Amino acid sequence: MDKEEDAVHIRDFDAVIETYRPRVFRFALASTRDRDLAETVTQDCFVKAHHGWQQFRGEAAVQT
């Protein structure tokens, strides 16, 4: 992947975070009832998603 493709990749994932972070955080907070833990869980979710982002084929919705 060249630098231009990398920049597009990052922008695309930034949009995913911007769109889905509030929903993931609310779910984590409702599940844990602990704001700090919910923040950690949310961050961990997006770190894991970012690591697998290049393998995402678009056959399912991003939110799943």
PDB file of N, CA and C in Angstrom:
ATOM      1  N   MET A   1       0.853  -1.174   0.000  1.00  0.00           N
ATOM      2  CA  MET A   1       0.000   0.000   0.000  1.00  0.00           C
ATOM      3  C   MET A   1       0.897   1.234   0.000  1.00  0.00           C
ATOM      4  N   ASP A   2       0.666   2.165  -0.953  1.00  0.00           N
ATOM      5  CA  ASP A   2       1.483   3.369  -0.982  1.00  0.00           C
ATOM      6  C   ASP A   2       0.907   4.416  -0.024  1.00  0.00           C
ATOM      7  N   LYS A   3       1.622   5.550   0.113  1.00  0.00           N
ATOM      8  CA  LYS A   3       1.213   6.573   1.079  1.00  0.00           C
ATOM      9  C   LYS A   3      -0.160   7.146   0.780  1.00  0.00           C
ATOM     10  N   GLU A   4      -0.501   7.320  -0.494  1.00  0.00           N
ATOM     11  CA  GLU A   4      -1.810   7.859  -0.847  1.00  0.00           C
ATOM     12  C   GLU A   4      -2.916   6.880  -0.460  1.00  0.00           C
ATOM     13  N   GLU A   5      -2.709   5.608  -0.765  1.00  0.00           N
ATOM     14  CA  GLU A   5      -3.700   4.593  -0.385  1.00  0.00           C
ATOM     15  C   GLU A   5      -3.803   4.510   1.136  1.00  0.00           C
ATOM     16  N   ASP A   6      -2.676   4.638   1.819  1.00  0.00           N
ATOM     17  CA  ASP A   6      -2.663   4.598   3.269  1.00  0.00           C
ATOM     18  C   ASP A   6      -3.473   5.759   3.840  1.00  0.00           C
ATOM     19  N   ALA A   7      -3.339   6.952   3.250  1.00  0.00           N
ATOM     20  CA  ALA A   7      -4.088   8.115   3.719  1.00  0.00           C
ATOM     21  C   ALA A   7      -5.585   7.910   3.541  1.00  0.00           C
ATOM     22  N   VAL A   8      -6.001   7.344   2.409  1.00  0.00           N
ATOM     23  CA  VAL A   8      -7.422   7.067   2.175  1.00  0.00           C
ATOM     24  C   VAL A   8      -7.909   6.040   3.189  1.00  0.00           C
ATOM     25  N   HIS A   9      -7.112   5.011   3.414  1.00  0.00           N
ATOM     26  CA  HIS A   9      -7.433   3.960   4.381  1.00  0.00           C
ATOM     27  C   HIS A   9      -7.671   4.563   5.760  1.00  0.00           C
ATOM     28  N   ILE A  10      -6.790   5.458   6.181  1.00  0.00           N
ATOM     29  CA  ILE A  10      -6.912   6.090   7.500  1.00  0.00           C
ATOM     30  C   ILE A  10      -8.152   6.968   7.553  1.00  0.00           C
ATOM     31  N   ARG A  11      -8.388   7.764   6.516  1.00  0.00           N
ATOM     32  CA  ARG A  11      -9.579   8.622   6.499  1.00  0.00           C
ATOM     33  C   ARG A  11     -10.845   7.780   6.566  1.00  0.00           C
ATOM     34  N   ASP A  12     -10.883   6.697   5.813  1.00  0.00           N
ATOM     35  CA  ASP A  12     -12.055   5.829   5.840  1.00  0.00           C
ATOM     36  C   ASP A  12     -12.286   5.275   7.239  1.00  0.00           C
ATOM     37  N   PHE A  13     -11.237   4.828   7.886  1.00  0.00           N
ATOM     38  CA  PHE A  13     -11.402   4.272   9.225  1.00  0.00           C
ATOM     39  C   PHE A  13     -11.756   5.365  10.221  1.00  0.00           C
ATOM     40  N   ASP A  14     -11.226   6.563  10.032  1.00  0.00           N
ATOM     41  CA  ASP A  14     -11.613   7.686  10.893  1.00  0.00           C
ATOM     42  C   ASP A  14     -13.119   7.924  10.810  1.00  0.00           C
ATOM     43  N   ALA A  15     -13.680   7.788   9.622  1.00  0.00           N
ATOM     44  CA  ALA A  15     -15.125   7.956   9.446  1.00  0.00           C
ATOM     45  C   ALA A  15     -15.893   6.858  10.176  1.00  0.00           C
ATOM     46  N   VAL A  16     -15.357   5.651  10.158  1.00  0.00           N
ATOM     47  CA  VAL A  16     -15.983   4.542  10.887  1.00  0.00           C
ATOM     48  C   VAL A  16     -16.001   4.858  12.380  1.00  0.00           C
ATOM     49  N   ILE A  17     -14.889   5.330  12.900  1.00  0.00           N
ATOM     50  CA  ILE A  17     -14.816   5.674  14.325  1.00  0.00           C
ATOM     51  C   ILE A  17     -15.809   6.781  14.650  1.00  0.00           C
ATOM     52  N   GLU A  18     -15.793   7.820  13.843  1.00  0.00           N
ATOM     53  CA  GLU A  18     -16.694   8.953  14.089  1.00  0.00           C
ATOM     54  C   GLU A  18     -18.159   8.516  14.076  1.00  0.00           C
ATOM     55  N   THR A  19     -18.491   7.624  13.180  1.00  0.00           N
ATOM     56  CA  THR A  19     -19.871   7.170  13.040  1.00  0.00           C
ATOM     57  C   THR A  19     -20.291   6.220  14.151  1.00  0.00           C
ATOM     58  N   TYR A  20     -19.446   5.254  14.472  1.00  0.00           N
ATOM     59  CA  TYR A  20     -19.858   4.163  15.354  1.00  0.00           C
ATOM     60  C   TYR A  20     -19.372   4.254  16.791  1.00  0.00           C
ATOM     61  N   ARG A  21     -18.421   5.126  17.085  1.00  0.00           N
ATOM     62  CA  ARG A  21     -17.893   5.205  18.450  1.00  0.00           C
ATOM     63  C   ARG A  21     -18.981   5.482  19.487  1.00  0.00           C
ATOM     64  N   PRO A  22     -19.855   6.455  19.270  1.00  0.00           N
ATOM     65  CA  PRO A  22     -20.889   6.702  20.296  1.00  0.00           C
ATOM     66  C   PRO A  22     -21.760   5.470  20.572  1.00  0.00           C
ATOM     67  N   ARG A  23     -22.113   4.755  19.530  1.00  0.00           N
ATOM     68  CA  ARG A  23     -22.955   3.564  19.687  1.00  0.00           C
ATOM     69  C   ARG A  23     -22.218   2.463  20.451  1.00  0.00           C
ATOM     70  N   VAL A  24     -20.949   2.254  20.110  1.00  0.00           N
ATOM     71  CA  VAL A  24     -20.151   1.232  20.799  1.00  0.00           C
ATOM     72  C   VAL A  24     -19.974   1.619  22.263  1.00  0.00           C
ATOM     73  N   PHE A  25     -19.690   2.898  22.500  1.00  0.00           N
ATOM     74  CA  PHE A  25     -19.503   3.354  23.880  1.00  0.00           C
ATOM     75  C   PHE A  25     -20.778   3.179  24.697  1.00  0.00           C
ATOM     76  N   ARG A  26     -21.923   3.574  24.134  1.00  0.00           N
ATOM     77  CA  ARG A  26     -23.186   3.420  24.871  1.00  0.00           C
ATOM     78  C   ARG A  26     -23.455   1.955  25.221  1.00  0.00           C
ATOM     79  N   PHE A  27     -23.192   1.067  24.268  1.00  0.00           N
ATOM     80  CA  PHE A  27     -23.376  -0.360  24.520  1.00  0.00           C
ATOM     81  C   PHE A  27     -22.442  -0.834  25.629  1.00  0.00           C
ATOM     82  N   ALA A  28     -21.178  -0.437  25.554  1.00  0.00           N
ATOM     83  CA  ALA A  28     -20.197  -0.847  26.566  1.00  0.00           C
ATOM     84  C   ALA A  28     -20.568  -0.285  27.936  1.00  0.00           C
ATOM     85  N   LEU A  29     -21.023   0.956  27.975  1.00  0.00           N
ATOM     86  CA  LEU A  29     -21.404   1.573  29.243  1.00  0.00           C
ATOM     87  C   LEU A  29     -22.631   0.879  29.835  1.00  0.00           C
ATOM     88  N   ALA A  30     -23.606   0.581  28.997  1.00  0.00           N
ATOM     89  CA  ALA A  30     -24.803  -0.124  29.477  1.00  0.00           C
ATOM     90  C   ALA A  30     -24.446  -1.527  29.967  1.00  0.00           C
ATOM     91  N   SER A  31     -23.476  -2.140  29.331  1.00  0.00           N
ATOM     92  CA  SER A  31     -23.076  -3.499  29.707  1.00  0.00           C
ATOM     93  C   SER A  31     -22.234  -3.539  30.970  1.00  0.00           C
ATOM     94  N   THR A  32     -21.367  -2.554  31.144  1.00  0.00           N
ATOM     95  CA  THR A  32     -20.425  -2.584  32.267  1.00  0.00           C
ATOM     96  C   THR A  32     -20.831  -1.683  33.430  1.00  0.00           C
ATOM     97  N   ARG A  33     -21.612  -0.646  33.136  1.00  0.00           N
ATOM     98  CA  ARG A  33     -21.999   0.357  34.146  1.00  0.00           C
ATOM     99  C   ARG A  33     -20.767   1.018  34.789  1.00  0.00           C
ATOM    100  N   ASP A  34     -19.686   1.085  34.015  1.00  0.00           N
ATOM    101  CA  ASP A  34     -18.436   1.680  34.493  1.00  0.00           C
ATOM    102  C   ASP A  34     -17.851   2.497  33.338  1.00  0.00           C
ATOM    103  N   ARG A  35     -17.844   3.824  33.500  1.00  0.00           N
ATOM    104  CA  ARG A  35     -17.429   4.720  32.422  1.00  0.00           C
ATOM    105  C   ARG A  35     -15.991   4.452  31.971  1.00  0.00           C
ATOM    106  N   ASP A  36     -15.075   4.284  32.910  1.00  0.00           N
ATOM    107  CA  ASP A  36     -13.671   4.041  32.544  1.00  0.00           C
ATOM    108  C   ASP A  36     -13.523   2.721  31.786  1.00  0.00           C
ATOM    109  N   LEU A  37     -14.178   1.694  32.277  1.00  0.00           N
ATOM    110  CA  LEU A  37     -14.111   0.406  31.603  1.00  0.00           C
ATOM    111  C   LEU A  37     -14.766   0.480  30.220  1.00  0.00           C
ATOM    112  N   ALA A  38     -15.866   1.209  30.114  1.00  0.00           N
ATOM    113  CA  ALA A  38     -16.541   1.369  28.815  1.00  0.00           C
ATOM    114  C   ALA A  38     -15.634   2.082  27.819  1.00  0.00           C
ATOM    115  N   GLU A  39     -14.883   3.081  28.273  1.00  0.00           N
ATOM    116  CA  GLU A  39     -13.929   3.771  27.401  1.00  0.00           C
ATOM    117  C   GLU A  39     -12.846   2.795  26.927  1.00  0.00           C
ATOM    118  N   THR A  40     -12.350   1.980  27.835  1.00  0.00           N
ATOM    119  CA  THR A  40     -11.312   1.007  27.498  1.00  0.00           C
ATOM    120  C   THR A  40     -11.841  -0.023  26.506  1.00  0.00           C
ATOM    121  N   VAL A  41     -13.036  -0.536  26.764  1.00  0.00           N
ATOM    122  CA  VAL A  41     -13.645  -1.521  25.875  1.00  0.00           C
ATOM    123  C   VAL A  41     -13.861  -0.919  24.487  1.00  0.00           C
ATOM    124  N   THR A  42     -14.342   0.314  24.444  1.00  0.00           N
ATOM    125  CA  THR A  42     -14.574   0.993  23.163  1.00  0.00           C
ATOM    126  C   THR A  42     -13.270   1.133  22.395  1.00  0.00           C
ATOM    127  N   GLN A  43     -12.236   1.586  23.070  1.00  0.00           N
ATOM    128  CA  GLN A  43     -10.933   1.738  22.419  1.00  0.00           C
ATOM    129  C   GLN A  43     -10.421   0.391  21.927  1.00  0.00           C
ATOM    130  N   ASP A  44     -10.531  -0.632  22.746  1.00  0.00           N
ATOM    131  CA  ASP A  44     -10.074  -1.966  22.344  1.00  0.00           C
ATOM    132  C   ASP A  44     -10.818  -2.467  21.107  1.00  0.00           C
ATOM    133  N   CYS A  45     -12.116  -2.202  21.049  1.00  0.00           N
ATOM    134  CA  CYS A  45     -12.907  -2.615  19.880  1.00  0.00           C
ATOM    135  C   CYS A  45     -12.370  -1.981  18.606  1.00  0.00           C
ATOM    136  N   PHE A  46     -12.087  -0.686  18.664  1.00  0.00           N
ATOM    137  CA  PHE A  46     -11.619  -0.003  17.467  1.00  0.00           C
ATOM    138  C   PHE A  46     -10.172  -0.350  17.120  1.00  0.00           C
ATOM    139  N   VAL A  47      -9.353  -0.642  18.118  1.00  0.00           N
ATOM    140  CA  VAL A  47      -7.981  -1.098  17.833  1.00  0.00           C
ATOM    141  C   VAL A  47      -8.043  -2.430  17.097  1.00  0.00           C
ATOM    142  N   LYS A  48      -8.866  -3.357  17.586  1.00  0.00           N
ATOM    143  CA  LYS A  48      -9.001  -4.664  16.930  1.00  0.00           C
ATOM    144  C   LYS A  48      -9.591  -4.510  15.530  1.00  0.00           C
ATOM    145  N   ALA A  49     -10.584  -3.639  15.402  1.00  0.00           N
ATOM    146  CA  ALA A  49     -11.188  -3.418  14.084  1.00  0.00           C
ATOM    147  C   ALA A  49     -10.171  -2.828  13.116  1.00  0.00           C
ATOM    148  N   HIS A  50      -9.338  -1.919  13.601  1.00  0.00           N
ATOM    149  CA  HIS A  50      -8.330  -1.301  12.734  1.00  0.00           C
ATOM    150  C   HIS A  50      -7.319  -2.335  12.253  1.00  0.00           C
ATOM    151  N   HIS A  51      -6.933  -3.245  13.137  1.00  0.00           N
ATOM    152  CA  HIS A  51      -5.969  -4.288  12.747  1.00  0.00           C
ATOM    153  C   HIS A  51      -6.529  -5.183  11.649  1.00  0.00           C
ATOM    154  N   GLY A  52      -7.834  -5.381  11.634  1.00  0.00           N
ATOM    155  CA  GLY A  52      -8.446  -6.230  10.623  1.00  0.00           C
ATOM    156  C   GLY A  52      -9.054  -5.482   9.462  1.00  0.00           C
ATOM    157  N   TRP A  53      -8.923  -4.159   9.457  1.00  0.00           N
ATOM    158  CA  TRP A  53      -9.596  -3.312   8.459  1.00  0.00           C
ATOM    159  C   TRP A  53      -9.203  -3.654   7.022  1.00  0.00           C
ATOM    160  N   GLN A  54      -7.960  -3.984   6.769  1.00  0.00           N
ATOM    161  CA  GLN A  54      -7.524  -4.280   5.404  1.00  0.00           C
ATOM    162  C   GLN A  54      -8.156  -5.563   4.868  1.00  0.00           C
ATOM    163  N   GLN A  55      -8.567  -6.436   5.753  1.00  0.00           N
ATOM    164  CA  GLN A  55      -9.194  -7.687   5.320  1.00  0.00           C
ATOM    165  C   GLN A  55     -10.706  -7.547   5.131  1.00  0.00           C
ATOM    166  N   PHE A  56     -11.272  -6.401   5.514  1.00  0.00           N
ATOM    167  CA  PHE A  56     -12.704  -6.188   5.389  1.00  0.00           C
ATOM    168  C   PHE A  56     -13.070  -6.128   3.906  1.00  0.00           C
ATOM    169  N   ARG A  57     -13.933  -7.042   3.490  1.00  0.00           N
ATOM    170  CA  ARG A  57     -14.299  -7.146   2.069  1.00  0.00           C
ATOM    171  C   ARG A  57     -15.585  -6.408   1.726  1.00  0.00           C
ATOM    172  N   GLY A  58     -16.288  -5.923   2.716  1.00  0.00           N
ATOM    173  CA  GLY A  58     -17.521  -5.201   2.459  1.00  0.00           C
ATOM    174  C   GLY A  58     -18.712  -6.088   2.175  1.00  0.00           C
ATOM    175  N   GLU A  59     -18.596  -7.373   2.473  1.00  0.00           N
ATOM    176  CA  GLU A  59     -19.697  -8.295   2.241  1.00  0.00           C
ATOM    177  C   GLU A  59     -20.759  -8.190   3.340  1.00  0.00           C
ATOM    178  N   ALA A  60     -20.400  -7.572   4.452  1.00  0.00           N
ATOM    179  CA  ALA A  60     -21.329  -7.338   5.545  1.00  0.00           C
ATOM    180  C   ALA A  60     -21.275  -5.844   5.870  1.00  0.00           C
ATOM    181  N   ALA A  61     -22.241  -5.384   6.641  1.00  0.00           N
ATOM    182  CA  ALA A  61     -22.254  -3.974   7.044  1.00  0.00           C
ATOM    183  C   ALA A  61     -21.076  -3.700   7.982  1.00  0.00           C
ATOM    184  N   VAL A  62     -20.565  -2.504   7.917  1.00  0.00           N
ATOM    185  CA  VAL A  62     -19.446  -2.120   8.779  1.00  0.00           C
ATOM    186  C   VAL A  62     -19.856  -2.266  10.245  1.00  0.00           C
ATOM    187  N   GLN A  63     -21.063  -1.904  10.577  1.00  0.00           N
ATOM    188  CA  GLN A  63     -21.483  -1.938  11.990  1.00  0.00           C
ATOM    189  C   GLN A  63     -21.480  -3.345  12.570  1.00  0.00           C
ATOM    190  N   THR A  64     -21.610  -4.367  11.739  1.00  0.00           N
ATOM    191  CA  THR A  64     -21.577  -5.711  12.292  1.00  0.00           C
ATOM    192  C   THR A  64     -20.160  -6.104  12.606  1.00  0.00           C
TER     193      THR A  64
END
